[in-house]
């Protein structure tokens, strides 16, 4: 981007100044990448503001904080649902913190419903915490691997064995 803007500027002095800085930037960038890969600095969470309405699925390996409305599924590493947020769809994340409203299934290794949470749907989790005042309508099911659907992995357990019997009836 810098070289593109420098090209558009008139004068040979700017082009010569741009060339050394461009050649120096990759060297310093490569050094920065190596340095940043060693401690693995975590990027900040993506924030979906309160006035944002998304229709569609969201998938990331990073962190997401939702303050607006999402009609679709969300998959993330850490998902924080703000008090003003509404999610209509399935939520899948390693860590889920619900302060707002979810209409749909929640799958997470760690699921936390705060006092302002409103969840209408099933929660499949490894660990769960529900604060006093949280509103929850649905079922809660513990699985060792809740992120991968759990149908084949949980079949040896008692909870999933009851589901096929219901389907066969």
C-alpha atoms as a PDB file:
ATOM      1  CA  UNK A   1       0.000   0.000   0.000  1.00  0.00           C
ATOM      2  CA  UNK A   2       2.854   2.409   0.759  1.00  0.00           C
ATOM      3  CA  UNK A   3       4.536   1.826  -2.580  1.00  0.00           C
ATOM      4  CA  UNK A   4       1.223   2.277  -4.374  1.00  0.00           C
ATOM      5  CA  UNK A   5       0.625   5.658  -2.760  1.00  0.00           C
ATOM      6  CA  UNK A   6       4.255   6.659  -3.394  1.00  0.00           C
ATOM      7  CA  UNK A   7       3.937   5.776  -7.081  1.00  0.00           C
ATOM      8  CA  UNK A   8       0.988   8.123  -7.460  1.00  0.00           C
ATOM      9  CA  UNK A   9       2.948  11.041  -5.991  1.00  0.00           C
ATOM     10  CA  UNK A  10       4.969  13.062  -8.534  1.00  0.00           C
ATOM     11  CA  UNK A  11       8.714  13.445  -8.301  1.00  0.00           C
ATOM     12  CA  UNK A  12      11.653  11.045  -8.508  1.00  0.00           C
ATOM     13  CA  UNK A  13      12.743  11.839  -4.947  1.00  0.00           C
ATOM     14  CA  UNK A  14       9.687  10.072  -3.524  1.00  0.00           C
ATOM     15  CA  UNK A  15      10.287   6.911  -5.572  1.00  0.00           C
ATOM     16  CA  UNK A  16      13.901   6.654  -4.430  1.00  0.00           C
ATOM     17  CA  UNK A  17      12.848   7.201  -0.844  1.00  0.00           C
ATOM     18  CA  UNK A  18      10.160   4.557  -1.205  1.00  0.00           C
ATOM     19  CA  UNK A  19      12.455   1.856  -2.566  1.00  0.00           C
ATOM     20  CA  UNK A  20      14.825   1.665   0.425  1.00  0.00           C
ATOM     21  CA  UNK A  21      11.942   1.755   2.910  1.00  0.00           C
ATOM     22  CA  UNK A  22      10.147  -1.034   1.034  1.00  0.00           C
ATOM     23  CA  UNK A  23      13.256  -3.222   0.979  1.00  0.00           C
ATOM     24  CA  UNK A  24      13.878  -2.551   4.671  1.00  0.00           C
ATOM     25  CA  UNK A  25      10.263  -3.273   5.666  1.00  0.00           C
ATOM     26  CA  UNK A  26      10.238  -6.966   4.704  1.00  0.00           C
ATOM     27  CA  UNK A  27      13.452  -7.561   6.650  1.00  0.00           C
ATOM     28  CA  UNK A  28      12.049  -5.920   9.753  1.00  0.00           C
ATOM     29  CA  UNK A  29       8.664  -7.590   9.171  1.00  0.00           C
ATOM     30  CA  UNK A  30      10.284 -10.998   8.895  1.00  0.00           C
ATOM     31  CA  UNK A  31      12.122 -10.323  12.136  1.00  0.00           C
ATOM     32  CA  UNK A  32       8.886  -9.194  13.740  1.00  0.00           C
ATOM     33  CA  UNK A  33       7.057 -12.303  12.544  1.00  0.00           C
ATOM     34  CA  UNK A  34       9.732 -14.529  14.028  1.00  0.00           C
ATOM     35  CA  UNK A  35       9.684 -12.571  17.267  1.00  0.00           C
ATOM     36  CA  UNK A  36       5.885 -12.571  17.441  1.00  0.00           C
ATOM     37  CA  UNK A  37       5.646 -16.286  16.620  1.00  0.00           C
ATOM     38  CA  UNK A  38       7.850 -17.182  19.576  1.00  0.00           C
ATOM     39  CA  UNK A  39       5.624 -15.615  22.284  1.00  0.00           C
ATOM     40  CA  UNK A  40       2.493 -15.984  20.060  1.00  0.00           C
ATOM     41  CA  UNK A  41       0.906 -12.663  20.887  1.00  0.00           C
ATOM     42  CA  UNK A  42      -2.878 -12.973  20.773  1.00  0.00           C
ATOM     43  CA  UNK A  43      -4.750 -10.511  18.558  1.00  0.00           C
ATOM     44  CA  UNK A  44      -7.607  -8.548  20.140  1.00  0.00           C
ATOM     45  CA  UNK A  45     -11.179  -9.820  19.887  1.00  0.00           C
ATOM     46  CA  UNK A  46     -13.307  -8.830  16.914  1.00  0.00           C
ATOM     47  CA  UNK A  47     -16.177  -6.652  18.136  1.00  0.00           C
ATOM     48  CA  UNK A  48     -19.541  -6.604  16.383  1.00  0.00           C
ATOM     49  CA  UNK A  49     -21.111  -3.340  17.558  1.00  0.00           C
ATOM     50  CA  UNK A  50     -24.639  -2.903  18.889  1.00  0.00           C
ATOM     51  CA  UNK A  51     -25.915  -1.254  15.679  1.00  0.00           C
ATOM     52  CA  UNK A  52     -24.678  -4.141  13.499  1.00  0.00           C
ATOM     53  CA  UNK A  53     -27.116  -6.753  12.154  1.00  0.00           C
ATOM     54  CA  UNK A  54     -25.559  -9.779  10.440  1.00  0.00           C
ATOM     55  CA  UNK A  55     -27.464 -12.389   8.475  1.00  0.00           C
ATOM     56  CA  UNK A  56     -25.126 -15.310   7.839  1.00  0.00           C
ATOM     57  CA  UNK A  57     -22.597 -17.529   9.550  1.00  0.00           C
ATOM     58  CA  UNK A  58     -19.440 -16.346  11.298  1.00  0.00           C
ATOM     59  CA  UNK A  59     -16.395 -18.593  11.626  1.00  0.00           C
ATOM     60  CA  UNK A  60     -13.026 -17.687  13.153  1.00  0.00           C
ATOM     61  CA  UNK A  61     -10.235 -19.238  15.176  1.00  0.00           C
ATOM     62  CA  UNK A  62      -9.971 -16.004  17.159  1.00  0.00           C
ATOM     63  CA  UNK A  63     -12.127 -14.262  19.737  1.00  0.00           C
ATOM     64  CA  UNK A  64     -15.422 -12.524  19.000  1.00  0.00           C
ATOM     65  CA  UNK A  65     -17.478 -10.130  21.090  1.00  0.00           C
ATOM     66  CA  UNK A  66     -21.030  -9.648  19.818  1.00  0.00           C
ATOM     67  CA  UNK A  67     -23.027  -6.595  20.880  1.00  0.00           C
ATOM     68  CA  UNK A  68     -25.435  -6.540  17.907  1.00  0.00           C
ATOM     69  CA  UNK A  69     -27.720  -9.075  16.242  1.00  0.00           C
ATOM     70  CA  UNK A  70     -26.617 -12.194  14.360  1.00  0.00           C
ATOM     71  CA  UNK A  71     -29.001 -14.463  12.466  1.00  0.00           C
ATOM     72  CA  UNK A  72     -26.807 -17.445  11.739  1.00  0.00           C
ATOM     73  CA  UNK A  73     -24.285 -19.770  13.326  1.00  0.00           C
ATOM     74  CA  UNK A  74     -21.144 -18.548  15.075  1.00  0.00           C
ATOM     75  CA  UNK A  75     -17.959 -20.565  15.583  1.00  0.00           C
ATOM     76  CA  UNK A  76     -15.043 -19.026  17.490  1.00  0.00           C
ATOM     77  CA  UNK A  77     -12.393 -19.662  20.123  1.00  0.00           C
ATOM     78  CA  UNK A  78     -13.799 -17.292  22.768  1.00  0.00           C
ATOM     79  CA  UNK A  79     -17.282 -15.932  22.183  1.00  0.00           C
ATOM     80  CA  UNK A  80     -18.709 -13.198  24.374  1.00  0.00           C
ATOM     81  CA  UNK A  81     -22.363 -12.271  23.903  1.00  0.00           C
ATOM     82  CA  UNK A  82     -23.003  -8.748  25.176  1.00  0.00           C
ATOM     83  CA  UNK A  83     -26.091  -7.714  27.146  1.00  0.00           C
ATOM     84  CA  UNK A  84     -27.666  -5.994  24.123  1.00  0.00           C
ATOM     85  CA  UNK A  85     -26.815  -8.856  21.727  1.00  0.00           C
ATOM     86  CA  UNK A  86     -29.207 -11.366  20.179  1.00  0.00           C
ATOM     87  CA  UNK A  87     -28.041 -14.525  18.427  1.00  0.00           C
ATOM     88  CA  UNK A  88     -30.477 -16.668  16.438  1.00  0.00           C
ATOM     89  CA  UNK A  89     -28.535 -19.767  15.496  1.00  0.00           C
ATOM     90  CA  UNK A  90     -26.050 -22.301  16.800  1.00  0.00           C
ATOM     91  CA  UNK A  91     -23.082 -21.112  18.849  1.00  0.00           C
ATOM     92  CA  UNK A  92     -19.907 -23.221  18.959  1.00  0.00           C
ATOM     93  CA  UNK A  93     -16.827 -22.051  20.868  1.00  0.00           C
ATOM     94  CA  UNK A  94     -14.174 -23.248  23.281  1.00  0.00           C
ATOM     95  CA  UNK A  95     -15.332 -20.615  25.788  1.00  0.00           C
ATOM     96  CA  UNK A  96     -18.807 -19.070  25.676  1.00  0.00           C
ATOM     97  CA  UNK A  97     -19.826 -16.195  27.948  1.00  0.00           C
ATOM     98  CA  UNK A  98     -23.473 -15.228  27.576  1.00  0.00           C
ATOM     99  CA  UNK A  99     -24.666 -11.871  28.856  1.00  0.00           C
ATOM    100  CA  UNK A 100     -27.394 -11.401  26.235  1.00  0.00           C
ATOM    101  CA  UNK A 101     -29.887 -13.553  24.322  1.00  0.00           C
ATOM    102  CA  UNK A 102     -29.345 -16.739  22.327  1.00  0.00           C
ATOM    103  CA  UNK A 103     -32.083 -18.606  20.494  1.00  0.00           C
ATOM    104  CA  UNK A 104     -30.475 -21.865  19.417  1.00  0.00           C
ATOM    105  CA  UNK A 105     -28.055 -24.555  20.505  1.00  0.00           C
ATOM    106  CA  UNK A 106     -24.911 -23.681  22.456  1.00  0.00           C
ATOM    107  CA  UNK A 107     -21.859 -25.949  22.254  1.00  0.00           C
ATOM    108  CA  UNK A 108     -18.773 -25.164  24.293  1.00  0.00           C
ATOM    109  CA  UNK A 109     -16.006 -26.584  26.406  1.00  0.00           C
ATOM    110  CA  UNK A 110     -16.714 -23.881  29.007  1.00  0.00           C
ATOM    111  CA  UNK A 111     -20.131 -22.217  29.002  1.00  0.00           C
ATOM    112  CA  UNK A 112     -21.024 -19.397  31.390  1.00  0.00           C
ATOM    113  CA  UNK A 113     -24.476 -17.830  31.670  1.00  0.00           C
ATOM    114  CA  UNK A 114     -24.371 -14.568  33.600  1.00  0.00           C
ATOM    115  CA  UNK A 115     -27.284 -13.065  35.506  1.00  0.00           C
ATOM    116  CA  UNK A 116     -28.442 -11.144  32.394  1.00  0.00           C
ATOM    117  CA  UNK A 117     -28.313 -14.185  30.069  1.00  0.00           C
ATOM    118  CA  UNK A 118     -31.384 -15.396  28.181  1.00  0.00           C
ATOM    119  CA  UNK A 119     -30.917 -18.748  26.426  1.00  0.00           C
ATOM    120  CA  UNK A 120     -33.640 -20.613  24.549  1.00  0.00           C
ATOM    121  CA  UNK A 121     -32.090 -23.854  23.357  1.00  0.00           C
ATOM    122  CA  UNK A 122     -29.981 -26.792  24.386  1.00  0.00           C
ATOM    123  CA  UNK A 123     -26.545 -26.399  25.927  1.00  0.00           C
ATOM    124  CA  UNK A 124     -23.928 -29.064  25.280  1.00  0.00           C
ATOM    125  CA  UNK A 125     -20.832 -28.473  27.384  1.00  0.00           C
ATOM    126  CA  UNK A 126     -17.848 -29.893  29.199  1.00  0.00           C
ATOM    127  CA  UNK A 127     -18.165 -27.418  32.087  1.00  0.00           C
ATOM    128  CA  UNK A 128     -20.981 -24.977  32.763  1.00  0.00           C
ATOM    129  CA  UNK A 129     -21.688 -22.131  35.174  1.00  0.00           C
ATOM    130  CA  UNK A 130     -25.111 -20.539  35.535  1.00  0.00           C
ATOM    131  CA  UNK A 131     -25.393 -17.432  37.665  1.00  0.00           C
ATOM    132  CA  UNK A 132     -28.463 -16.625  39.703  1.00  0.00           C
ATOM    133  CA  UNK A 133     -30.925 -14.609  37.608  1.00  0.00           C
ATOM    134  CA  UNK A 134     -30.055 -16.232  34.268  1.00  0.00           C
ATOM    135  CA  UNK A 135     -33.039 -17.334  32.176  1.00  0.00           C
ATOM    136  CA  UNK A 136     -32.651 -20.704  30.485  1.00  0.00           C
ATOM    137  CA  UNK A 137     -35.140 -22.846  28.575  1.00  0.00           C
ATOM    138  CA  UNK A 138     -33.808 -26.084  27.160  1.00  0.00           C
ATOM    139  CA  UNK A 139     -31.730 -29.060  28.147  1.00  0.00           C
ATOM    140  CA  UNK A 140     -28.188 -29.290  29.446  1.00  0.00           C
ATOM    141  CA  UNK A 141     -25.967 -32.151  28.383  1.00  0.00           C
ATOM    142  CA  UNK A 142     -22.368 -32.792  29.402  1.00  0.00           C
ATOM    143  CA  UNK A 143     -19.980 -34.263  26.832  1.00  0.00           C
ATOM    144  CA  UNK A 144     -16.223 -34.699  26.853  1.00  0.00           C
ATOM    145  CA  UNK A 145     -16.034 -33.325  23.287  1.00  0.00           C
ATOM    146  CA  UNK A 146     -19.027 -30.993  22.821  1.00  0.00           C
ATOM    147  CA  UNK A 147     -17.535 -29.127  19.837  1.00  0.00           C
ATOM    148  CA  UNK A 148     -17.662 -32.053  17.402  1.00  0.00           C
ATOM    149  CA  UNK A 149     -21.350 -32.900  17.508  1.00  0.00           C
ATOM    150  CA  UNK A 150     -20.800 -35.735  19.958  1.00  0.00           C
ATOM    151  CA  UNK A 151     -23.024 -38.308  18.199  1.00  0.00           C
ATOM    152  CA  UNK A 152     -20.295 -40.874  17.538  1.00  0.00           C
ATOM    153  CA  UNK A 153     -18.035 -39.913  20.441  1.00  0.00           C
ATOM    154  CA  UNK A 154     -20.792 -39.950  23.082  1.00  0.00           C
ATOM    155  CA  UNK A 155     -22.459 -43.187  21.882  1.00  0.00           C
ATOM    156  CA  UNK A 156     -20.637 -45.344  24.507  1.00  0.00           C
ATOM    157  CA  UNK A 157     -22.018 -43.007  27.191  1.00  0.00           C
ATOM    158  CA  UNK A 158     -25.520 -43.243  28.586  1.00  0.00           C
ATOM    159  CA  UNK A 159     -26.843 -39.892  27.331  1.00  0.00           C
ATOM    160  CA  UNK A 160     -26.332 -40.508  23.621  1.00  0.00           C
ATOM    161  CA  UNK A 161     -27.543 -44.098  23.875  1.00  0.00           C
ATOM    162  CA  UNK A 162     -30.980 -42.809  24.869  1.00  0.00           C
ATOM    163  CA  UNK A 163     -31.240 -40.602  21.768  1.00  0.00           C
ATOM    164  CA  UNK A 164     -31.104 -43.423  19.149  1.00  0.00           C
ATOM    165  CA  UNK A 165     -33.784 -45.292  21.106  1.00  0.00           C
ATOM    166  CA  UNK A 166     -36.021 -42.232  20.821  1.00  0.00           C
ATOM    167  CA  UNK A 167     -35.338 -41.960  17.099  1.00  0.00           C
ATOM    168  CA  UNK A 168     -36.179 -45.635  16.494  1.00  0.00           C
ATOM    169  CA  UNK A 169     -39.554 -45.425  18.279  1.00  0.00           C
END
